[in-house]
PDB file of all heavy atoms in Angstrom:
ATOM      1  N   ASP A   1     -28.498 -21.820   0.791  1.00  0.00           N
ATOM      2  CA  ASP A   1     -28.058 -20.746  -0.072  1.00  0.00           C
ATOM      3  C   ASP A   1     -26.527 -20.813  -0.262  1.00  0.00           C
ATOM      4  O   ASP A   1     -25.912 -19.836  -0.658  1.00  0.00           O
ATOM      5  CB  ASP A   1     -28.392 -19.401   0.556  1.00  0.00           C
ATOM      6  CG  ASP A   1     -27.958 -19.249   1.993  1.00  0.00           C
ATOM      7  OD1 ASP A   1     -27.206 -20.159   2.493  1.00  0.00           O
ATOM      8  OD2 ASP A   1     -28.284 -18.241   2.611  1.00  0.00           O
ATOM      9  N   GLY A   2     -25.863 -21.978   0.027  1.00  0.00           N
ATOM     10  CA  GLY A   2     -24.485 -22.107  -0.192  1.00  0.00           C
ATOM     11  C   GLY A   2     -23.624 -21.248   0.802  1.00  0.00           C
ATOM     12  O   GLY A   2     -22.539 -21.000   0.579  1.00  0.00           O
ATOM     13  N   GLY A   3     -24.272 -20.845   1.918  1.00  0.00           N
ATOM     14  CA  GLY A   3     -23.521 -20.118   2.929  1.00  0.00           C
ATOM     15  C   GLY A   3     -23.375 -18.615   2.708  1.00  0.00           C
ATOM     16  O   GLY A   3     -22.803 -17.894   3.418  1.00  0.00           O
ATOM     17  N   ALA A   4     -24.081 -18.144   1.701  1.00  0.00           N
ATOM     18  CA  ALA A   4     -24.002 -16.693   1.384  1.00  0.00           C
ATOM     19  C   ALA A   4     -24.892 -15.931   2.381  1.00  0.00           C
ATOM     20  O   ALA A   4     -25.949 -16.352   2.695  1.00  0.00           O
ATOM     21  CB  ALA A   4     -24.476 -16.400  -0.012  1.00  0.00           C
ATOM     22  N   LEU A   5     -24.383 -14.786   2.781  1.00  0.00           N
ATOM     23  CA  LEU A   5     -25.185 -13.947   3.685  1.00  0.00           C
ATOM     24  C   LEU A   5     -25.923 -12.878   2.936  1.00  0.00           C
ATOM     25  O   LEU A   5     -25.480 -12.448   1.890  1.00  0.00           O
ATOM     26  CB  LEU A   5     -24.203 -13.171   4.690  1.00  0.00           C
ATOM     27  CG  LEU A   5     -23.501 -14.081   5.659  1.00  0.00           C
ATOM     28  CD1 LEU A   5     -22.402 -13.147   6.453  1.00  0.00           C
ATOM     29  CD2 LEU A   5     -24.416 -14.722   6.683  1.00  0.00           C
ATOM     30  N   ALA A   6     -27.113 -12.526   3.422  1.00  0.00           N
ATOM     31  CA  ALA A   6     -27.858 -11.491   2.825  1.00  0.00           C
ATOM     32  C   ALA A   6     -27.093 -10.155   2.921  1.00  0.00           C
ATOM     33  O   ALA A   6     -26.313  -9.957   3.878  1.00  0.00           O
ATOM     34  CB  ALA A   6     -29.221 -11.352   3.505  1.00  0.00           C
ATOM     35  N   THR A   7     -27.244  -9.283   1.984  1.00  0.00           N
ATOM     36  CA  THR A   7     -26.485  -8.031   2.002  1.00  0.00           C
ATOM     37  C   THR A   7     -26.657  -7.259   3.263  1.00  0.00           C
ATOM     38  O   THR A   7     -25.621  -6.742   3.862  1.00  0.00           O
ATOM     39  CB  THR A   7     -26.810  -7.168   0.797  1.00  0.00           C
ATOM     40  OG1 THR A   7     -26.627  -7.921  -0.384  1.00  0.00           O
ATOM     41  CG2 THR A   7     -26.026  -5.916   0.719  1.00  0.00           C
ATOM     42  N   PRO A   8     -27.848  -7.041   3.860  1.00  0.00           N
ATOM     43  CA  PRO A   8     -27.920  -6.283   5.063  1.00  0.00           C
ATOM     44  C   PRO A   8     -27.260  -6.966   6.210  1.00  0.00           C
ATOM     45  O   PRO A   8     -26.620  -6.285   7.025  1.00  0.00           O
ATOM     46  CB  PRO A   8     -29.440  -6.196   5.320  1.00  0.00           C
ATOM     47  CG  PRO A   8     -30.148  -6.654   4.122  1.00  0.00           C
ATOM     48  CD  PRO A   8     -29.219  -7.349   3.246  1.00  0.00           C
ATOM     49  N   THR A   9     -27.321  -8.279   6.267  1.00  0.00           N
ATOM     50  CA  THR A   9     -26.631  -8.990   7.350  1.00  0.00           C
ATOM     51  C   THR A   9     -25.114  -8.880   7.195  1.00  0.00           C
ATOM     52  O   THR A   9     -24.416  -8.638   8.174  1.00  0.00           O
ATOM     53  CB  THR A   9     -27.052 -10.490   7.295  1.00  0.00           C
ATOM     54  OG1 THR A   9     -28.467 -10.599   7.353  1.00  0.00           O
ATOM     55  CG2 THR A   9     -26.393 -11.270   8.489  1.00  0.00           C
ATOM     56  N   ARG A  10     -24.634  -9.017   6.023  1.00  0.00           N
ATOM     57  CA  ARG A  10     -23.218  -8.836   5.722  1.00  0.00           C
ATOM     58  C   ARG A  10     -22.745  -7.480   6.121  1.00  0.00           C
ATOM     59  O   ARG A  10     -21.701  -7.384   6.719  1.00  0.00           O
ATOM     60  CB  ARG A  10     -22.990  -9.136   4.234  1.00  0.00           C
ATOM     61  CG  ARG A  10     -21.494  -9.132   3.861  1.00  0.00           C
ATOM     62  CD  ARG A  10     -21.245  -9.608   2.463  1.00  0.00           C
ATOM     63  NE  ARG A  10     -22.107  -8.845   1.487  1.00  0.00           N
ATOM     64  CZ  ARG A  10     -22.764  -9.468   0.574  1.00  0.00           C
ATOM     65  NH1 ARG A  10     -22.789 -10.741   0.452  1.00  0.00           N
ATOM     66  NH2 ARG A  10     -23.536  -8.733  -0.279  1.00  0.00           N
ATOM     67  N   GLU A  11     -23.504  -6.415   5.781  1.00  0.00           N
ATOM     68  CA  GLU A  11     -23.079  -5.092   6.084  1.00  0.00           C
ATOM     69  C   GLU A  11     -23.134  -4.836   7.596  1.00  0.00           C
ATOM     70  O   GLU A  11     -22.231  -4.200   8.153  1.00  0.00           O
ATOM     71  CB  GLU A  11     -24.082  -4.037   5.400  1.00  0.00           C
ATOM     72  CG  GLU A  11     -23.892  -4.006   3.890  1.00  0.00           C
ATOM     73  CD  GLU A  11     -22.558  -3.609   3.428  1.00  0.00           C
ATOM     74  OE1 GLU A  11     -21.968  -2.660   4.020  1.00  0.00           O
ATOM     75  OE2 GLU A  11     -22.060  -4.165   2.471  1.00  0.00           O
ATOM     76  N   ARG A  12     -24.136  -5.350   8.335  1.00  0.00           N
ATOM     77  CA  ARG A  12     -24.201  -5.210   9.712  1.00  0.00           C
ATOM     78  C   ARG A  12     -23.053  -5.877  10.452  1.00  0.00           C
ATOM     79  O   ARG A  12     -22.418  -5.355  11.383  1.00  0.00           O
ATOM     80  CB  ARG A  12     -25.585  -5.755  10.230  1.00  0.00           C
ATOM     81  CG  ARG A  12     -25.841  -5.380  11.685  1.00  0.00           C
ATOM     82  CD  ARG A  12     -27.201  -5.871  12.134  1.00  0.00           C
ATOM     83  NE  ARG A  12     -27.137  -7.322  12.355  1.00  0.00           N
ATOM     84  CZ  ARG A  12     -27.779  -8.243  11.698  1.00  0.00           C
ATOM     85  NH1 ARG A  12     -28.624  -7.882  10.735  1.00  0.00           N
ATOM     86  NH2 ARG A  12     -27.749  -9.501  11.917  1.00  0.00           N
ATOM     87  N   ILE A  13     -22.662  -7.110   9.950  1.00  0.00           N
ATOM     88  CA  ILE A  13     -21.540  -7.794  10.578  1.00  0.00           C
ATOM     89  C   ILE A  13     -20.236  -7.012  10.295  1.00  0.00           C
ATOM     90  O   ILE A  13     -19.485  -6.907  11.247  1.00  0.00           O
ATOM     91  CB  ILE A  13     -21.500  -9.281  10.010  1.00  0.00           C
ATOM     92  CG1 ILE A  13     -22.651 -10.077  10.521  1.00  0.00           C
ATOM     93  CG2 ILE A  13     -20.194  -9.957  10.405  1.00  0.00           C
ATOM     94  CD1 ILE A  13     -22.738 -11.450   9.901  1.00  0.00           C
ATOM     95  N   LEU A  14     -20.111  -6.477   9.110  1.00  0.00           N
ATOM     96  CA  LEU A  14     -18.898  -5.769   8.798  1.00  0.00           C
ATOM     97  C   LEU A  14     -18.808  -4.541   9.699  1.00  0.00           C
ATOM     98  O   LEU A  14     -17.721  -4.205  10.222  1.00  0.00           O
ATOM     99  CB  LEU A  14     -18.883  -5.346   7.330  1.00  0.00           C
ATOM    100  CG  LEU A  14     -17.722  -4.580   6.861  1.00  0.00           C
ATOM    101  CD1 LEU A  14     -16.372  -5.348   7.035  1.00  0.00           C
ATOM    102  CD2 LEU A  14     -17.869  -4.081   5.475  1.00  0.00           C
ATOM    103  N   GLU A  15     -19.882  -3.750   9.826  1.00  0.00           N
ATOM    104  CA  GLU A  15     -19.877  -2.589  10.711  1.00  0.00           C
ATOM    105  C   GLU A  15     -19.547  -2.960  12.135  1.00  0.00           C
ATOM    106  O   GLU A  15     -18.801  -2.292  12.800  1.00  0.00           O
ATOM    107  CB  GLU A  15     -21.195  -1.847  10.584  1.00  0.00           C
ATOM    108  CG  GLU A  15     -21.434  -1.109   9.325  1.00  0.00           C
ATOM    109  CD  GLU A  15     -22.857  -0.548   9.249  1.00  0.00           C
ATOM    110  OE1 GLU A  15     -23.510  -0.374  10.378  1.00  0.00           O
ATOM    111  OE2 GLU A  15     -23.321  -0.252   8.135  1.00  0.00           O
ATOM    112  N   ASP A  16     -20.116  -4.054  12.621  1.00  0.00           N
ATOM    113  CA  ASP A  16     -19.841  -4.485  14.012  1.00  0.00           C
ATOM    114  C   ASP A  16     -18.351  -4.849  14.138  1.00  0.00           C
ATOM    115  O   ASP A  16     -17.734  -4.464  15.164  1.00  0.00           O
ATOM    116  CB  ASP A  16     -20.740  -5.728  14.329  1.00  0.00           C
ATOM    117  CG  ASP A  16     -20.579  -6.170  15.723  1.00  0.00           C
ATOM    118  OD1 ASP A  16     -20.416  -5.290  16.664  1.00  0.00           O
ATOM    119  OD2 ASP A  16     -20.462  -7.389  15.980  1.00  0.00           O
ATOM    120  N   VAL A  17     -17.837  -5.563  13.202  1.00  0.00           N
ATOM    121  CA  VAL A  17     -16.446  -5.994  13.299  1.00  0.00           C
ATOM    122  C   VAL A  17     -15.538  -4.757  13.214  1.00  0.00           C
ATOM    123  O   VAL A  17     -14.567  -4.678  14.005  1.00  0.00           O
ATOM    124  CB  VAL A  17     -16.065  -6.966  12.100  1.00  0.00           C
ATOM    125  CG1 VAL A  17     -14.580  -7.188  12.010  1.00  0.00           C
ATOM    126  CG2 VAL A  17     -16.802  -8.357  12.402  1.00  0.00           C
ATOM    127  N   LEU A  18     -15.816  -3.886  12.317  1.00  0.00           N
ATOM    128  CA  LEU A  18     -14.997  -2.656  12.189  1.00  0.00           C
ATOM    129  C   LEU A  18     -15.044  -1.728  13.477  1.00  0.00           C
ATOM    130  O   LEU A  18     -14.111  -1.108  13.857  1.00  0.00           O
ATOM    131  CB  LEU A  18     -15.380  -1.903  11.008  1.00  0.00           C
ATOM    132  CG  LEU A  18     -14.958  -2.521   9.653  1.00  0.00           C
ATOM    133  CD1 LEU A  18     -15.461  -1.683   8.480  1.00  0.00           C
ATOM    134  CD2 LEU A  18     -13.490  -2.759   9.513  1.00  0.00           C
ATOM    135  N   SER A  19     -16.234  -1.776  14.064  1.00  0.00           N
ATOM    136  CA  SER A  19     -16.357  -0.879  15.293  1.00  0.00           C
ATOM    137  C   SER A  19     -15.615  -1.419  16.458  1.00  0.00           C
ATOM    138  O   SER A  19     -15.083  -0.723  17.324  1.00  0.00           O
ATOM    139  CB  SER A  19     -17.860  -0.695  15.614  1.00  0.00           C
ATOM    140  OG  SER A  19     -18.414  -1.908  16.098  1.00  0.00           O
ATOM    141  N   ARG A  20     -15.487  -2.817  16.463  1.00  0.00           N
ATOM    142  CA  ARG A  20     -14.724  -3.474  17.581  1.00  0.00           C
ATOM    143  C   ARG A  20     -13.326  -3.578  17.350  1.00  0.00           C
ATOM    144  O   ARG A  20     -12.492  -3.846  18.230  1.00  0.00           O
ATOM    145  CB  ARG A  20     -15.327  -4.854  17.806  1.00  0.00           C
ATOM    146  CG  ARG A  20     -16.723  -4.819  18.323  1.00  0.00           C
ATOM    147  CD  ARG A  20     -17.222  -6.239  18.512  1.00  0.00           C
ATOM    148  NE  ARG A  20     -18.670  -6.256  18.796  1.00  0.00           N
ATOM    149  CZ  ARG A  20     -19.247  -7.095  19.545  1.00  0.00           C
ATOM    150  NH1 ARG A  20     -18.450  -7.950  20.184  1.00  0.00           N
ATOM    151  NH2 ARG A  20     -20.496  -7.059  19.779  1.00  0.00           N
ATOM    152  N   ALA A  21     -12.871  -3.445  16.090  1.00  0.00           N
ATOM    153  CA  ALA A  21     -11.501  -3.611  15.792  1.00  0.00           C
ATOM    154  C   ALA A  21     -10.674  -2.459  16.275  1.00  0.00           C
ATOM    155  O   ALA A  21     -11.062  -1.300  16.177  1.00  0.00           O
ATOM    156  CB  ALA A  21     -11.293  -3.735  14.188  1.00  0.00           C
ATOM    157  N   LYS A  22      -9.531  -2.787  16.832  1.00  0.00           N
ATOM    158  CA  LYS A  22      -8.632  -1.767  17.315  1.00  0.00           C
ATOM    159  C   LYS A  22      -7.447  -1.572  16.385  1.00  0.00           C
ATOM    160  O   LYS A  22      -6.873  -2.537  15.932  1.00  0.00           O
ATOM    161  CB  LYS A  22      -8.056  -2.108  18.704  1.00  0.00           C
ATOM    162  CG  LYS A  22      -9.101  -2.144  19.800  1.00  0.00           C
ATOM    163  CD  LYS A  22      -8.497  -2.546  21.122  1.00  0.00           C
ATOM    164  CE  LYS A  22      -9.565  -2.685  22.132  1.00  0.00           C
ATOM    165  NZ  LYS A  22      -8.979  -3.096  23.439  1.00  0.00           N
ATOM    166  N   PRO A  23      -7.115  -0.342  16.028  1.00  0.00           N
ATOM    167  CA  PRO A  23      -6.030  -0.175  15.148  1.00  0.00           C
ATOM    168  C   PRO A  23      -4.698  -0.597  15.866  1.00  0.00           C
ATOM    169  O   PRO A  23      -4.561  -0.348  17.032  1.00  0.00           O
ATOM    170  CB  PRO A  23      -5.979   1.336  14.787  1.00  0.00           C
ATOM    171  CG  PRO A  23      -6.759   1.980  15.993  1.00  0.00           C
ATOM    172  CD  PRO A  23      -7.724   0.886  16.452  1.00  0.00           C
ATOM    173  N   SER A  24      -3.820  -1.185  15.097  1.00  0.00           N
ATOM    174  CA  SER A  24      -2.581  -1.626  15.705  1.00  0.00           C
ATOM    175  C   SER A  24      -1.732  -0.351  15.967  1.00  0.00           C
ATOM    176  O   SER A  24      -1.577   0.541  15.162  1.00  0.00           O
ATOM    177  CB  SER A  24      -1.775  -2.533  14.822  1.00  0.00           C
ATOM    178  OG  SER A  24      -1.454  -1.864  13.630  1.00  0.00           O
ATOM    179  N   ARG A  25      -1.183  -0.404  17.202  1.00  0.00           N
ATOM    180  CA  ARG A  25      -0.362   0.778  17.587  1.00  0.00           C
ATOM    181  C   ARG A  25       1.068   0.487  17.316  1.00  0.00           C
ATOM    182  O   ARG A  25       1.615  -0.474  17.792  1.00  0.00           O
ATOM    183  CB  ARG A  25      -0.580   1.078  19.123  1.00  0.00           C
ATOM    184  CG  ARG A  25      -1.977   1.492  19.451  1.00  0.00           C
ATOM    185  CD  ARG A  25      -2.190   1.761  20.863  1.00  0.00           C
ATOM    186  NE  ARG A  25      -1.388   2.951  21.238  1.00  0.00           N
ATOM    187  CZ  ARG A  25      -1.157   3.273  22.452  1.00  0.00           C
ATOM    188  NH1 ARG A  25      -1.578   2.583  23.441  1.00  0.00           N
ATOM    189  NH2 ARG A  25      -0.465   4.434  22.693  1.00  0.00           N
ATOM    190  N   ARG A  26       1.657   1.309  16.505  1.00  0.00           N
ATOM    191  CA  ARG A  26       3.107   1.117  16.177  1.00  0.00           C
ATOM    192  C   ARG A  26       3.871   1.789  17.220  1.00  0.00           C
ATOM    193  O   ARG A  26       3.950   3.069  17.306  1.00  0.00           O
ATOM    194  CB  ARG A  26       3.414   1.717  14.803  1.00  0.00           C
ATOM    195  CG  ARG A  26       2.623   1.092  13.650  1.00  0.00           C
ATOM    196  CD  ARG A  26       3.328  -0.028  12.986  1.00  0.00           C
ATOM    197  NE  ARG A  26       4.775   0.179  12.953  1.00  0.00           N
ATOM    198  CZ  ARG A  26       5.585  -0.562  12.248  1.00  0.00           C
ATOM    199  NH1 ARG A  26       5.102  -1.458  11.501  1.00  0.00           N
ATOM    200  NH2 ARG A  26       6.862  -0.321  12.248  1.00  0.00           N
ATOM    201  N   ARG A  27       4.517   0.985  18.054  1.00  0.00           N
ATOM    202  CA  ARG A  27       5.348   1.587  19.092  1.00  0.00           C
ATOM    203  C   ARG A  27       6.786   1.678  18.562  1.00  0.00           C
ATOM    204  O   ARG A  27       7.251   0.747  17.844  1.00  0.00           O
ATOM    205  CB  ARG A  27       5.420   0.623  20.343  1.00  0.00           C
ATOM    206  CG  ARG A  27       4.078   0.672  21.056  1.00  0.00           C
ATOM    207  CD  ARG A  27       4.270  -0.140  22.283  1.00  0.00           C
ATOM    208  NE  ARG A  27       4.302  -1.609  21.798  1.00  0.00           N
ATOM    209  CZ  ARG A  27       4.558  -2.596  22.599  1.00  0.00           C
ATOM    210  NH1 ARG A  27       4.760  -2.470  23.878  1.00  0.00           N
ATOM    211  NH2 ARG A  27       4.649  -3.842  22.139  1.00  0.00           N
ATOM    212  N   PRO A  28       7.422   2.725  18.855  1.00  0.00           N
ATOM    213  CA  PRO A  28       8.824   2.759  18.339  1.00  0.00           C
ATOM    214  C   PRO A  28       9.678   1.769  19.088  1.00  0.00           C
ATOM    215  O   PRO A  28       9.560   1.595  20.269  1.00  0.00           O
ATOM    216  CB  PRO A  28       9.305   4.240  18.742  1.00  0.00           C
ATOM    217  CG  PRO A  28       8.349   4.678  19.819  1.00  0.00           C
ATOM    218  CD  PRO A  28       7.067   3.924  19.564  1.00  0.00           C
ATOM    219  N   HIS A  29      10.458   1.076  18.389  1.00  0.00           N
ATOM    220  CA  HIS A  29      11.304   0.051  18.945  1.00  0.00           C
ATOM    221  C   HIS A  29      12.656   0.673  19.418  1.00  0.00           C
ATOM    222  O   HIS A  29      13.631   0.526  18.690  1.00  0.00           O
ATOM    223  CB  HIS A  29      11.530  -1.131  17.938  1.00  0.00           C
ATOM    224  CG  HIS A  29      10.239  -1.784  17.570  1.00  0.00           C
ATOM    225  ND1 HIS A  29       9.609  -2.663  18.402  1.00  0.00           N
ATOM    226  CD2 HIS A  29       9.449  -1.649  16.486  1.00  0.00           C
ATOM    227  CE1 HIS A  29       8.515  -3.085  17.875  1.00  0.00           C
ATOM    228  NE2 HIS A  29       8.414  -2.504  16.615  1.00  0.00           N
ATOM    229  N   VAL A  30      12.631   1.350  20.470  1.00  0.00           N
ATOM    230  CA  VAL A  30      13.761   2.091  20.884  1.00  0.00           C
ATOM    231  C   VAL A  30      14.935   1.113  21.251  1.00  0.00           C
ATOM    232  O   VAL A  30      16.085   1.353  20.823  1.00  0.00           O
ATOM    233  CB  VAL A  30      13.458   2.980  22.199  1.00  0.00           C
ATOM    234  CG1 VAL A  30      14.655   3.627  22.734  1.00  0.00           C
ATOM    235  CG2 VAL A  30      12.417   3.943  21.786  1.00  0.00           C
ATOM    236  N   ILE A  31      14.598   0.018  21.952  1.00  0.00           N
ATOM    237  CA  ILE A  31      15.582  -0.898  22.309  1.00  0.00           C
ATOM    238  C   ILE A  31      16.238  -1.501  21.119  1.00  0.00           C
ATOM    239  O   ILE A  31      17.511  -1.623  21.017  1.00  0.00           O
ATOM    240  CB  ILE A  31      15.052  -1.987  23.261  1.00  0.00           C
ATOM    241  CG1 ILE A  31      14.618  -1.328  24.530  1.00  0.00           C
ATOM    242  CG2 ILE A  31      16.069  -3.087  23.482  1.00  0.00           C
ATOM    243  CD1 ILE A  31      13.914  -2.308  25.488  1.00  0.00           C
ATOM    244  N   GLY A  32      15.478  -1.904  20.168  1.00  0.00           N
ATOM    245  CA  GLY A  32      15.983  -2.495  18.913  1.00  0.00           C
ATOM    246  C   GLY A  32      16.872  -1.472  18.148  1.00  0.00           C
ATOM    247  O   GLY A  32      17.930  -1.839  17.616  1.00  0.00           O
ATOM    248  N   THR A  33      16.421  -0.246  18.126  1.00  0.00           N
ATOM    249  CA  THR A  33      17.202   0.822  17.424  1.00  0.00           C
ATOM    250  C   THR A  33      18.540   1.016  18.158  1.00  0.00           C
ATOM    251  O   THR A  33      19.592   1.115  17.485  1.00  0.00           O
ATOM    252  CB  THR A  33      16.441   2.128  17.407  1.00  0.00           C
ATOM    253  OG1 THR A  33      15.151   1.863  16.779  1.00  0.00           O
ATOM    254  CG2 THR A  33      17.165   3.198  16.634  1.00  0.00           C
ATOM    255  N   VAL A  34      18.536   1.136  19.449  1.00  0.00           N
ATOM    256  CA  VAL A  34      19.763   1.297  20.246  1.00  0.00           C
ATOM    257  C   VAL A  34      20.723   0.176  20.060  1.00  0.00           C
ATOM    258  O   VAL A  34      21.903   0.392  19.777  1.00  0.00           O
ATOM    259  CB  VAL A  34      19.442   1.604  21.726  1.00  0.00           C
ATOM    260  CG1 VAL A  34      20.708   1.532  22.548  1.00  0.00           C
ATOM    261  CG2 VAL A  34      18.749   2.943  21.916  1.00  0.00           C
TER     262      VAL A  34
END
């Protein structure tokens, strides 16, 4: 199939990846600011 994933498989993988992904935490760069 040229490497194409079936729609349900693609959706399941996307949901799994999004559930495991952690949002990046923006820490204030106090030292850099000072």
